Amino acid sequence: MESTEVVRQYWSSVWSRDWHAVGVTLAEDVEVFWPVTRE
């Protein structure tokens, strides 16, 4: 799957609240930084 499709699948899975499918799009050790809140 192309990288853009992985990201589209992530957002689609979040929107549909399919939490298993969200997890499939993420690496086990994923790190996401939110600079606005420093989280």
PDB file of all heavy atoms in Angstrom:
ATOM      1  N   MET A   1       0.844  -1.169   0.000  1.00  0.00           N
ATOM      2  CA  MET A   1       0.000   0.000   0.000  1.00  0.00           C
ATOM      3  C   MET A   1       0.900   1.245   0.000  1.00  0.00           C
ATOM      4  O   MET A   1       1.862   1.305   0.754  1.00  0.00           O
ATOM      5  CB  MET A   1      -0.901  -0.031   1.240  1.00  0.00           C
ATOM      6  CG  MET A   1      -1.886   1.101   1.314  1.00  0.00           C
ATOM      7  SD  MET A   1      -2.940   1.137   2.809  1.00  0.00           S
ATOM      8  CE  MET A   1      -3.710  -0.453   2.781  1.00  0.00           C
ATOM      9  N   GLU A   2       0.566   2.222  -0.836  1.00  0.00           N
ATOM     10  CA  GLU A   2       1.331   3.456  -0.881  1.00  0.00           C
ATOM     11  C   GLU A   2       1.190   4.231   0.429  1.00  0.00           C
ATOM     12  O   GLU A   2       0.177   4.119   1.119  1.00  0.00           O
ATOM     13  CB  GLU A   2       0.854   4.330  -2.036  1.00  0.00           C
ATOM     14  CG  GLU A   2       1.241   3.793  -3.390  1.00  0.00           C
ATOM     15  CD  GLU A   2       0.925   4.795  -4.488  1.00  0.00           C
ATOM     16  OE1 GLU A   2       0.893   6.019  -4.203  1.00  0.00           O
ATOM     17  OE2 GLU A   2       0.724   4.351  -5.613  1.00  0.00           O
ATOM     18  N   SER A   3       2.176   5.038   0.727  1.00  0.00           N
ATOM     19  CA  SER A   3       2.189   5.790   1.977  1.00  0.00           C
ATOM     20  C   SER A   3       0.964   6.688   2.118  1.00  0.00           C
ATOM     21  O   SER A   3       0.382   6.795   3.204  1.00  0.00           O
ATOM     22  CB  SER A   3       3.460   6.626   2.079  1.00  0.00           C
ATOM     23  OG  SER A   3       4.586   5.788   2.137  1.00  0.00           O
ATOM     24  N   THR A   4       0.551   7.338   1.020  1.00  0.00           N
ATOM     25  CA  THR A   4      -0.630   8.202   1.100  1.00  0.00           C
ATOM     26  C   THR A   4      -1.880   7.393   1.424  1.00  0.00           C
ATOM     27  O   THR A   4      -2.758   7.872   2.148  1.00  0.00           O
ATOM     28  CB  THR A   4      -0.846   8.988  -0.204  1.00  0.00           C
ATOM     29  OG1 THR A   4      -0.907   8.068  -1.300  1.00  0.00           O
ATOM     30  CG2 THR A   4       0.260  10.011  -0.428  1.00  0.00           C
ATOM     31  N   GLU A   5      -1.960   6.184   0.932  1.00  0.00           N
ATOM     32  CA  GLU A   5      -3.120   5.329   1.218  1.00  0.00           C
ATOM     33  C   GLU A   5      -3.136   4.876   2.676  1.00  0.00           C
ATOM     34  O   GLU A   5      -4.198   4.724   3.269  1.00  0.00           O
ATOM     35  CB  GLU A   5      -3.172   4.132   0.269  1.00  0.00           C
ATOM     36  CG  GLU A   5      -3.547   4.522  -1.148  1.00  0.00           C
ATOM     37  CD  GLU A   5      -4.845   5.326  -1.197  1.00  0.00           C
ATOM     38  OE1 GLU A   5      -5.862   4.898  -0.611  1.00  0.00           O
ATOM     39  OE2 GLU A   5      -4.836   6.416  -1.819  1.00  0.00           O
ATOM     40  N   VAL A   6      -1.960   4.650   3.258  1.00  0.00           N
ATOM     41  CA  VAL A   6      -1.887   4.305   4.683  1.00  0.00           C
ATOM     42  C   VAL A   6      -2.463   5.453   5.513  1.00  0.00           C
ATOM     43  O   VAL A   6      -3.265   5.236   6.429  1.00  0.00           O
ATOM     44  CB  VAL A   6      -0.433   3.989   5.112  1.00  0.00           C
ATOM     45  CG1 VAL A   6      -0.327   3.840   6.624  1.00  0.00           C
ATOM     46  CG2 VAL A   6       0.081   2.746   4.404  1.00  0.00           C
ATOM     47  N   VAL A   7      -2.086   6.673   5.177  1.00  0.00           N
ATOM     48  CA  VAL A   7      -2.582   7.845   5.920  1.00  0.00           C
ATOM     49  C   VAL A   7      -4.083   8.011   5.705  1.00  0.00           C
ATOM     50  O   VAL A   7      -4.835   8.268   6.652  1.00  0.00           O
ATOM     51  CB  VAL A   7      -1.790   9.111   5.525  1.00  0.00           C
ATOM     52  CG1 VAL A   7      -2.439  10.368   6.093  1.00  0.00           C
ATOM     53  CG2 VAL A   7      -0.343   8.980   5.993  1.00  0.00           C
ATOM     54  N   ARG A   8      -4.546   7.852   4.472  1.00  0.00           N
ATOM     55  CA  ARG A   8      -5.998   7.929   4.217  1.00  0.00           C
ATOM     56  C   ARG A   8      -6.746   6.855   5.001  1.00  0.00           C
ATOM     57  O   ARG A   8      -7.811   7.107   5.559  1.00  0.00           O
ATOM     58  CB  ARG A   8      -6.295   7.799   2.730  1.00  0.00           C
ATOM     59  CG  ARG A   8      -5.953   9.029   1.923  1.00  0.00           C
ATOM     60  CD  ARG A   8      -6.366   8.878   0.456  1.00  0.00           C
ATOM     61  NE  ARG A   8      -5.944  10.002  -0.315  1.00  0.00           N
ATOM     62  CZ  ARG A   8      -6.566  11.185  -0.354  1.00  0.00           C
ATOM     63  NH1 ARG A   8      -7.643  11.374   0.376  1.00  0.00           N
ATOM     64  NH2 ARG A   8      -6.102  12.163  -1.101  1.00  0.00           N
ATOM     65  N   GLN A   9      -6.175   5.654   5.066  1.00  0.00           N
ATOM     66  CA  GLN A   9      -6.801   4.570   5.818  1.00  0.00           C
ATOM     67  C   GLN A   9      -6.838   4.888   7.306  1.00  0.00           C
ATOM     68  O   GLN A   9      -7.817   4.597   7.992  1.00  0.00           O
ATOM     69  CB  GLN A   9      -6.074   3.242   5.573  1.00  0.00           C
ATOM     70  CG  GLN A   9      -6.712   2.057   6.254  1.00  0.00           C
ATOM     71  CD  GLN A   9      -8.129   1.807   5.779  1.00  0.00           C
ATOM     72  OE1 GLN A   9      -8.403   1.790   4.594  1.00  0.00           O
ATOM     73  NE2 GLN A   9      -9.057   1.622   6.711  1.00  0.00           N
ATOM     74  N   TYR A  10      -5.768   5.494   7.813  1.00  0.00           N
ATOM     75  CA  TYR A  10      -5.738   5.906   9.214  1.00  0.00           C
ATOM     76  C   TYR A  10      -6.913   6.835   9.509  1.00  0.00           C
ATOM     77  O   TYR A  10      -7.694   6.597  10.437  1.00  0.00           O
ATOM     78  CB  TYR A  10      -4.402   6.593   9.538  1.00  0.00           C
ATOM     79  CG  TYR A  10      -4.408   7.306  10.860  1.00  0.00           C
ATOM     80  CD1 TYR A  10      -4.263   6.605  12.054  1.00  0.00           C
ATOM     81  CD2 TYR A  10      -4.596   8.689  10.929  1.00  0.00           C
ATOM     82  CE1 TYR A  10      -4.301   7.261  13.283  1.00  0.00           C
ATOM     83  CE2 TYR A  10      -4.625   9.346  12.147  1.00  0.00           C
ATOM     84  CZ  TYR A  10      -4.485   8.621  13.317  1.00  0.00           C
ATOM     85  OH  TYR A  10      -4.529   9.272  14.535  1.00  0.00           O
ATOM     86  N   TRP A  11      -7.041   7.918   8.723  1.00  0.00           N
ATOM     87  CA  TRP A  11      -8.115   8.882   8.980  1.00  0.00           C
ATOM     88  C   TRP A  11      -9.487   8.258   8.798  1.00  0.00           C
ATOM     89  O   TRP A  11     -10.402   8.524   9.576  1.00  0.00           O
ATOM     90  CB  TRP A  11      -7.953  10.118   8.090  1.00  0.00           C
ATOM     91  CG  TRP A  11      -6.848  11.018   8.530  1.00  0.00           C
ATOM     92  CD1 TRP A  11      -5.733  11.356   7.826  1.00  0.00           C
ATOM     93  CD2 TRP A  11      -6.743  11.715   9.783  1.00  0.00           C
ATOM     94  NE1 TRP A  11      -4.944  12.212   8.570  1.00  0.00           N
ATOM     95  CE2 TRP A  11      -5.545  12.447   9.766  1.00  0.00           C
ATOM     96  CE3 TRP A  11      -7.548  11.784  10.919  1.00  0.00           C
ATOM     97  CZ2 TRP A  11      -5.145  13.242  10.837  1.00  0.00           C
ATOM     98  CZ3 TRP A  11      -7.145  12.582  11.983  1.00  0.00           C
ATOM     99  CH2 TRP A  11      -5.959  13.291  11.938  1.00  0.00           C
ATOM    100  N   SER A  12      -9.650   7.429   7.805  1.00  0.00           N
ATOM    101  CA  SER A  12     -10.935   6.753   7.582  1.00  0.00           C
ATOM    102  C   SER A  12     -11.290   5.855   8.765  1.00  0.00           C
ATOM    103  O   SER A  12     -12.447   5.814   9.203  1.00  0.00           O
ATOM    104  CB  SER A  12     -10.857   5.934   6.295  1.00  0.00           C
ATOM    105  OG  SER A  12     -12.028   5.184   6.107  1.00  0.00           O
ATOM    106  N   SER A  13     -10.306   5.151   9.289  1.00  0.00           N
ATOM    107  CA  SER A  13     -10.543   4.261  10.427  1.00  0.00           C
ATOM    108  C   SER A  13     -10.858   5.038  11.702  1.00  0.00           C
ATOM    109  O   SER A  13     -11.708   4.632  12.497  1.00  0.00           O
ATOM    110  CB  SER A  13      -9.328   3.356  10.648  1.00  0.00           C
ATOM    111  OG  SER A  13      -9.098   2.554   9.507  1.00  0.00           O
ATOM    112  N   VAL A  14     -10.188   6.174  11.899  1.00  0.00           N
ATOM    113  CA  VAL A  14     -10.505   7.013  13.059  1.00  0.00           C
ATOM    114  C   VAL A  14     -11.937   7.518  12.936  1.00  0.00           C
ATOM    115  O   VAL A  14     -12.718   7.444  13.880  1.00  0.00           O
ATOM    116  CB  VAL A  14      -9.505   8.190  13.197  1.00  0.00           C
ATOM    117  CG1 VAL A  14      -9.972   9.175  14.261  1.00  0.00           C
ATOM    118  CG2 VAL A  14      -8.108   7.683  13.529  1.00  0.00           C
ATOM    119  N   TRP A  15     -12.293   8.017  11.749  1.00  0.00           N
ATOM    120  CA  TRP A  15     -13.635   8.567  11.532  1.00  0.00           C
ATOM    121  C   TRP A  15     -14.712   7.505  11.749  1.00  0.00           C
ATOM    122  O   TRP A  15     -15.733   7.754  12.369  1.00  0.00           O
ATOM    123  CB  TRP A  15     -13.712   9.168  10.147  1.00  0.00           C
ATOM    124  CG  TRP A  15     -15.061   9.560   9.636  1.00  0.00           C
ATOM    125  CD1 TRP A  15     -15.474   9.440   8.337  1.00  0.00           C
ATOM    126  CD2 TRP A  15     -16.160  10.161  10.316  1.00  0.00           C
ATOM    127  NE1 TRP A  15     -16.758   9.916   8.198  1.00  0.00           N
ATOM    128  CE2 TRP A  15     -17.207  10.365   9.416  1.00  0.00           C
ATOM    129  CE3 TRP A  15     -16.374  10.527  11.642  1.00  0.00           C
ATOM    130  CZ2 TRP A  15     -18.432  10.918   9.767  1.00  0.00           C
ATOM    131  CZ3 TRP A  15     -17.609  11.078  12.000  1.00  0.00           C
ATOM    132  CH2 TRP A  15     -18.606  11.268  11.062  1.00  0.00           C
ATOM    133  N   SER A  16     -14.470   6.284  11.291  1.00  0.00           N
ATOM    134  CA  SER A  16     -15.464   5.216  11.461  1.00  0.00           C
ATOM    135  C   SER A  16     -15.377   4.564  12.841  1.00  0.00           C
ATOM    136  O   SER A  16     -16.165   3.668  13.152  1.00  0.00           O
ATOM    137  CB  SER A  16     -15.311   4.162  10.368  1.00  0.00           C
ATOM    138  OG  SER A  16     -14.067   3.500  10.485  1.00  0.00           O
ATOM    139  N   ARG A  17     -14.415   5.010  13.637  1.00  0.00           N
ATOM    140  CA  ARG A  17     -14.222   4.494  14.994  1.00  0.00           C
ATOM    141  C   ARG A  17     -13.969   2.981  15.012  1.00  0.00           C
ATOM    142  O   ARG A  17     -14.407   2.267  15.883  1.00  0.00           O
ATOM    143  CB  ARG A  17     -15.396   4.887  15.885  1.00  0.00           C
ATOM    144  CG  ARG A  17     -15.463   6.406  16.123  1.00  0.00           C
ATOM    145  CD  ARG A  17     -16.857   6.845  16.509  1.00  0.00           C
ATOM    146  NE  ARG A  17     -16.941   8.248  16.887  1.00  0.00           N
ATOM    147  CZ  ARG A  17     -17.025   9.261  16.036  1.00  0.00           C
ATOM    148  NH1 ARG A  17     -16.971   9.053  14.734  1.00  0.00           N
ATOM    149  NH2 ARG A  17     -17.136  10.508  16.464  1.00  0.00           N
ATOM    150  N   ASP A  18     -13.223   2.543  13.995  1.00  0.00           N
ATOM    151  CA  ASP A  18     -12.802   1.146  13.909  1.00  0.00           C
ATOM    152  C   ASP A  18     -11.406   1.069  14.525  1.00  0.00           C
ATOM    153  O   ASP A  18     -10.395   1.203  13.837  1.00  0.00           O
ATOM    154  CB  ASP A  18     -12.789   0.696  12.443  1.00  0.00           C
ATOM    155  CG  ASP A  18     -12.408  -0.758  12.275  1.00  0.00           C
ATOM    156  OD1 ASP A  18     -11.834  -1.365  13.214  1.00  0.00           O
ATOM    157  OD2 ASP A  18     -12.676  -1.306  11.182  1.00  0.00           O
ATOM    158  N   TRP A  19     -11.362   0.887  15.836  1.00  0.00           N
ATOM    159  CA  TRP A  19     -10.109   1.001  16.579  1.00  0.00           C
ATOM    160  C   TRP A  19      -9.102  -0.067  16.216  1.00  0.00           C
ATOM    161  O   TRP A  19      -7.892   0.181  16.233  1.00  0.00           O
ATOM    162  CB  TRP A  19     -10.389   1.067  18.077  1.00  0.00           C
ATOM    163  CG  TRP A  19     -11.402   2.135  18.364  1.00  0.00           C
ATOM    164  CD1 TRP A  19     -12.606   1.997  18.980  1.00  0.00           C
ATOM    165  CD2 TRP A  19     -11.327   3.524  17.990  1.00  0.00           C
ATOM    166  NE1 TRP A  19     -13.279   3.197  19.020  1.00  0.00           N
ATOM    167  CE2 TRP A  19     -12.511   4.155  18.415  1.00  0.00           C
ATOM    168  CE3 TRP A  19     -10.374   4.299  17.327  1.00  0.00           C
ATOM    169  CZ2 TRP A  19     -12.765   5.513  18.204  1.00  0.00           C
ATOM    170  CZ3 TRP A  19     -10.621   5.646  17.115  1.00  0.00           C
ATOM    171  CH2 TRP A  19     -11.805   6.233  17.559  1.00  0.00           C
ATOM    172  N   HIS A  20      -9.568  -1.253  15.874  1.00  0.00           N
ATOM    173  CA  HIS A  20      -8.646  -2.298  15.405  1.00  0.00           C
ATOM    174  C   HIS A  20      -7.960  -1.835  14.114  1.00  0.00           C
ATOM    175  O   HIS A  20      -6.742  -1.951  13.969  1.00  0.00           O
ATOM    176  CB  HIS A  20      -9.369  -3.621  15.190  1.00  0.00           C
ATOM    177  CG  HIS A  20      -8.495  -4.648  14.552  1.00  0.00           C
ATOM    178  ND1 HIS A  20      -7.508  -5.313  15.254  1.00  0.00           N
ATOM    179  CD2 HIS A  20      -8.429  -5.094  13.271  1.00  0.00           C
ATOM    180  CE1 HIS A  20      -6.873  -6.131  14.428  1.00  0.00           C
ATOM    181  NE2 HIS A  20      -7.413  -6.023  13.224  1.00  0.00           N
ATOM    182  N   ALA A  21      -8.753  -1.291  13.181  1.00  0.00           N
ATOM    183  CA  ALA A  21      -8.200  -0.829  11.906  1.00  0.00           C
ATOM    184  C   ALA A  21      -7.239   0.343  12.102  1.00  0.00           C
ATOM    185  O   ALA A  21      -6.246   0.458  11.385  1.00  0.00           O
ATOM    186  CB  ALA A  21      -9.319  -0.448  10.945  1.00  0.00           C
ATOM    187  N   VAL A  22      -7.529   1.214  13.068  1.00  0.00           N
ATOM    188  CA  VAL A  22      -6.588   2.299  13.381  1.00  0.00           C
ATOM    189  C   VAL A  22      -5.257   1.694  13.788  1.00  0.00           C
ATOM    190  O   VAL A  22      -4.199   2.089  13.296  1.00  0.00           O
ATOM    191  CB  VAL A  22      -7.133   3.219  14.500  1.00  0.00           C
ATOM    192  CG1 VAL A  22      -6.051   4.198  14.961  1.00  0.00           C
ATOM    193  CG2 VAL A  22      -8.369   3.972  14.044  1.00  0.00           C
ATOM    194  N   GLY A  23      -5.291   0.710  14.675  1.00  0.00           N
ATOM    195  CA  GLY A  23      -4.071   0.068  15.143  1.00  0.00           C
ATOM    196  C   GLY A  23      -3.267  -0.569  14.032  1.00  0.00           C
ATOM    197  O   GLY A  23      -2.028  -0.541  14.063  1.00  0.00           O
ATOM    198  N   VAL A  24      -3.948  -1.111  13.023  1.00  0.00           N
ATOM    199  CA  VAL A  24      -3.268  -1.753  11.895  1.00  0.00           C
ATOM    200  C   VAL A  24      -2.436  -0.741  11.112  1.00  0.00           C
ATOM    201  O   VAL A  24      -1.414  -1.094  10.528  1.00  0.00           O
ATOM    202  CB  VAL A  24      -4.293  -2.471  10.988  1.00  0.00           C
ATOM    203  CG1 VAL A  24      -3.678  -2.911   9.676  1.00  0.00           C
ATOM    204  CG2 VAL A  24      -4.892  -3.665  11.729  1.00  0.00           C
ATOM    205  N   THR A  25      -2.841   0.529  11.116  1.00  0.00           N
ATOM    206  CA  THR A  25      -2.113   1.544  10.352  1.00  0.00           C
ATOM    207  C   THR A  25      -0.904   2.098  11.107  1.00  0.00           C
ATOM    208  O   THR A  25      -0.127   2.852  10.538  1.00  0.00           O
ATOM    209  CB  THR A  25      -3.029   2.727   9.976  1.00  0.00           C
ATOM    210  OG1 THR A  25      -3.452   3.402  11.165  1.00  0.00           O
ATOM    211  CG2 THR A  25      -4.224   2.272   9.158  1.00  0.00           C
ATOM    212  N   LEU A  26      -0.747   1.730  12.380  1.00  0.00           N
ATOM    213  CA  LEU A  26       0.297   2.299  13.222  1.00  0.00           C
ATOM    214  C   LEU A  26       1.359   1.261  13.591  1.00  0.00           C
ATOM    215  O   LEU A  26       1.031   0.124  13.931  1.00  0.00           O
ATOM    216  CB  LEU A  26      -0.318   2.832  14.521  1.00  0.00           C
ATOM    217  CG  LEU A  26      -1.384   3.911  14.375  1.00  0.00           C
ATOM    218  CD1 LEU A  26      -2.066   4.164  15.714  1.00  0.00           C
ATOM    219  CD2 LEU A  26      -0.788   5.180  13.806  1.00  0.00           C
ATOM    220  N   ALA A  27       2.611   1.689  13.583  1.00  0.00           N
ATOM    221  CA  ALA A  27       3.687   0.831  14.083  1.00  0.00           C
ATOM    222  C   ALA A  27       3.511   0.656  15.584  1.00  0.00           C
ATOM    223  O   ALA A  27       2.980   1.527  16.271  1.00  0.00           O
ATOM    224  CB  ALA A  27       5.052   1.463  13.781  1.00  0.00           C
ATOM    225  N   GLU A  28       3.964  -0.464  16.094  1.00  0.00           N
ATOM    226  CA  GLU A  28       3.833  -0.723  17.527  1.00  0.00           C
ATOM    227  C   GLU A  28       4.493   0.373  18.367  1.00  0.00           C
ATOM    228  O   GLU A  28       3.989   0.764  19.413  1.00  0.00           O
ATOM    229  CB  GLU A  28       4.442  -2.082  17.868  1.00  0.00           C
ATOM    230  CG  GLU A  28       4.219  -2.486  19.294  1.00  0.00           C
ATOM    231  CD  GLU A  28       4.709  -3.899  19.598  1.00  0.00           C
ATOM    232  OE1 GLU A  28       4.836  -4.711  18.661  1.00  0.00           O
ATOM    233  OE2 GLU A  28       4.969  -4.156  20.776  1.00  0.00           O
ATOM    234  N   ASP A  29       5.622   0.897  17.883  1.00  0.00           N
ATOM    235  CA  ASP A  29       6.365   1.905  18.629  1.00  0.00           C
ATOM    236  C   ASP A  29       6.188   3.320  18.042  1.00  0.00           C
ATOM    237  O   ASP A  29       7.056   4.180  18.186  1.00  0.00           O
ATOM    238  CB  ASP A  29       7.842   1.545  18.705  1.00  0.00           C
ATOM    239  CG  ASP A  29       8.481   1.427  17.325  1.00  0.00           C
ATOM    240  OD1 ASP A  29       7.747   1.410  16.296  1.00  0.00           O
ATOM    241  OD2 ASP A  29       9.722   1.362  17.261  1.00  0.00           O
ATOM    242  N   VAL A  30       5.056   3.574  17.409  1.00  0.00           N
ATOM    243  CA  VAL A  30       4.784   4.882  16.812  1.00  0.00           C
ATOM    244  C   VAL A  30       4.925   6.000  17.846  1.00  0.00           C
ATOM    245  O   VAL A  30       4.643   5.788  19.028  1.00  0.00           O
ATOM    246  CB  VAL A  30       3.363   4.915  16.174  1.00  0.00           C
ATOM    247  CG1 VAL A  30       2.277   4.793  17.226  1.00  0.00           C
ATOM    248  CG2 VAL A  30       3.167   6.155  15.320  1.00  0.00           C
ATOM    249  N   GLU A  31       5.407   7.140  17.406  1.00  0.00           N
ATOM    250  CA  GLU A  31       5.482   8.334  18.255  1.00  0.00           C
ATOM    251  C   GLU A  31       4.841   9.491  17.496  1.00  0.00           C
ATOM    252  O   GLU A  31       5.216   9.770  16.357  1.00  0.00           O
ATOM    253  CB  GLU A  31       6.923   8.705  18.595  1.00  0.00           C
ATOM    254  CG  GLU A  31       7.521   7.844  19.649  1.00  0.00           C
ATOM    255  CD  GLU A  31       8.809   8.420  20.231  1.00  0.00           C
ATOM    256  OE1 GLU A  31       9.193   9.560  19.894  1.00  0.00           O
ATOM    257  OE2 GLU A  31       9.427   7.712  21.029  1.00  0.00           O
ATOM    258  N   VAL A  32       3.889  10.156  18.146  1.00  0.00           N
ATOM    259  CA  VAL A  32       3.214  11.299  17.536  1.00  0.00           C
ATOM    260  C   VAL A  32       3.370  12.490  18.476  1.00  0.00           C
ATOM    261  O   VAL A  32       3.007  12.417  19.649  1.00  0.00           O
ATOM    262  CB  VAL A  32       1.728  10.996  17.256  1.00  0.00           C
ATOM    263  CG1 VAL A  32       1.037  12.213  16.665  1.00  0.00           C
ATOM    264  CG2 VAL A  32       1.607   9.792  16.316  1.00  0.00           C
ATOM    265  N   PHE A  33       3.899  13.571  17.942  1.00  0.00           N
ATOM    266  CA  PHE A  33       4.175  14.788  18.703  1.00  0.00           C
ATOM    267  C   PHE A  33       3.149  15.846  18.345  1.00  0.00           C
ATOM    268  O   PHE A  33       2.880  16.092  17.167  1.00  0.00           O
ATOM    269  CB  PHE A  33       5.581  15.273  18.382  1.00  0.00           C
ATOM    270  CG  PHE A  33       5.989  16.542  19.079  1.00  0.00           C
ATOM    271  CD1 PHE A  33       5.679  16.777  20.415  1.00  0.00           C
ATOM    272  CD2 PHE A  33       6.716  17.504  18.404  1.00  0.00           C
ATOM    273  CE1 PHE A  33       6.078  17.947  21.054  1.00  0.00           C
ATOM    274  CE2 PHE A  33       7.120  18.671  19.023  1.00  0.00           C
ATOM    275  CZ  PHE A  33       6.796  18.894  20.354  1.00  0.00           C
ATOM    276  N   TRP A  34       2.551  16.468  19.356  1.00  0.00           N
ATOM    277  CA  TRP A  34       1.627  17.587  19.187  1.00  0.00           C
ATOM    278  C   TRP A  34       2.329  18.835  19.725  1.00  0.00           C
ATOM    279  O   TRP A  34       2.281  19.131  20.931  1.00  0.00           O
ATOM    280  CB  TRP A  34       0.327  17.342  19.929  1.00  0.00           C
ATOM    281  CG  TRP A  34      -0.506  16.223  19.380  1.00  0.00           C
ATOM    282  CD1 TRP A  34      -0.397  15.623  18.163  1.00  0.00           C
ATOM    283  CD2 TRP A  34      -1.599  15.579  20.031  1.00  0.00           C
ATOM    284  NE1 TRP A  34      -1.344  14.649  18.011  1.00  0.00           N
ATOM    285  CE2 TRP A  34      -2.104  14.605  19.153  1.00  0.00           C
ATOM    286  CE3 TRP A  34      -2.209  15.737  21.266  1.00  0.00           C
ATOM    287  CZ2 TRP A  34      -3.179  13.795  19.478  1.00  0.00           C
ATOM    288  CZ3 TRP A  34      -3.279  14.924  21.581  1.00  0.00           C
ATOM    289  CH2 TRP A  34      -3.758  13.968  20.688  1.00  0.00           C
ATOM    290  N   PRO A  35       3.017  19.606  18.882  1.00  0.00           N
ATOM    291  CA  PRO A  35       3.787  20.757  19.349  1.00  0.00           C
ATOM    292  C   PRO A  35       2.961  21.823  20.072  1.00  0.00           C
ATOM    293  O   PRO A  35       3.470  22.471  20.984  1.00  0.00           O
ATOM    294  CB  PRO A  35       4.388  21.335  18.059  1.00  0.00           C
ATOM    295  CG  PRO A  35       4.412  20.192  17.111  1.00  0.00           C
ATOM    296  CD  PRO A  35       3.202  19.374  17.446  1.00  0.00           C
ATOM    297  N   VAL A  36       1.715  22.025  19.675  1.00  0.00           N
ATOM    298  CA  VAL A  36       0.905  23.080  20.280  1.00  0.00           C
ATOM    299  C   VAL A  36       0.744  22.845  21.781  1.00  0.00           C
ATOM    300  O   VAL A  36       0.788  23.784  22.579  1.00  0.00           O
ATOM    301  CB  VAL A  36      -0.459  23.207  19.567  1.00  0.00           C
ATOM    302  CG1 VAL A  36      -1.368  24.191  20.284  1.00  0.00           C
ATOM    303  CG2 VAL A  36      -0.260  23.616  18.111  1.00  0.00           C
ATOM    304  N   THR A  37       0.583  21.580  22.180  1.00  0.00           N
ATOM    305  CA  THR A  37       0.412  21.260  23.601  1.00  0.00           C
ATOM    306  C   THR A  37       1.643  20.573  24.201  1.00  0.00           C
ATOM    307  O   THR A  37       1.638  20.228  25.375  1.00  0.00           O
ATOM    308  CB  THR A  37      -0.812  20.346  23.805  1.00  0.00           C
ATOM    309  OG1 THR A  37      -0.648  19.166  23.000  1.00  0.00           O
ATOM    310  CG2 THR A  37      -2.092  21.065  23.426  1.00  0.00           C
ATOM    311  N   ARG A  38       2.649  20.347  23.377  1.00  0.00           N
ATOM    312  CA  ARG A  38       3.910  19.713  23.785  1.00  0.00           C
ATOM    313  C   ARG A  38       3.727  18.278  24.268  1.00  0.00           C
ATOM    314  O   ARG A  38       4.526  17.786  25.058  1.00  0.00           O
ATOM    315  CB  ARG A  38       4.623  20.562  24.840  1.00  0.00           C
ATOM    316  CG  ARG A  38       4.995  21.928  24.361  1.00  0.00           C
ATOM    317  CD  ARG A  38       5.722  22.715  25.414  1.00  0.00           C
ATOM    318  NE  ARG A  38       5.134  22.463  26.721  1.00  0.00           N
ATOM    319  CZ  ARG A  38       4.838  23.399  27.611  1.00  0.00           C
ATOM    320  NH1 ARG A  38       5.082  24.639  27.346  1.00  0.00           N
ATOM    321  NH2 ARG A  38       4.306  23.093  28.766  1.00  0.00           N
ATOM    322  N   GLU A  39       2.694  17.601  23.768  1.00  0.00           N
ATOM    323  CA  GLU A  39       2.456  16.204  24.150  1.00  0.00           C
ATOM    324  C   GLU A  39       3.100  15.268  23.129  1.00  0.00           C
ATOM    325  O   GLU A  39       3.108  15.561  21.935  1.00  0.00           O
ATOM    326  CB  GLU A  39       0.959  15.913  24.194  1.00  0.00           C
ATOM    327  CG  GLU A  39       0.231  16.692  25.265  1.00  0.00           C
ATOM    328  CD  GLU A  39      -1.265  16.577  25.115  1.00  0.00           C
ATOM    329  OE1 GLU A  39      -1.834  17.334  24.303  1.00  0.00           O
ATOM    330  OE2 GLU A  39      -1.865  15.723  25.802  1.00  0.00           O
TER     331      GLU A  39
END
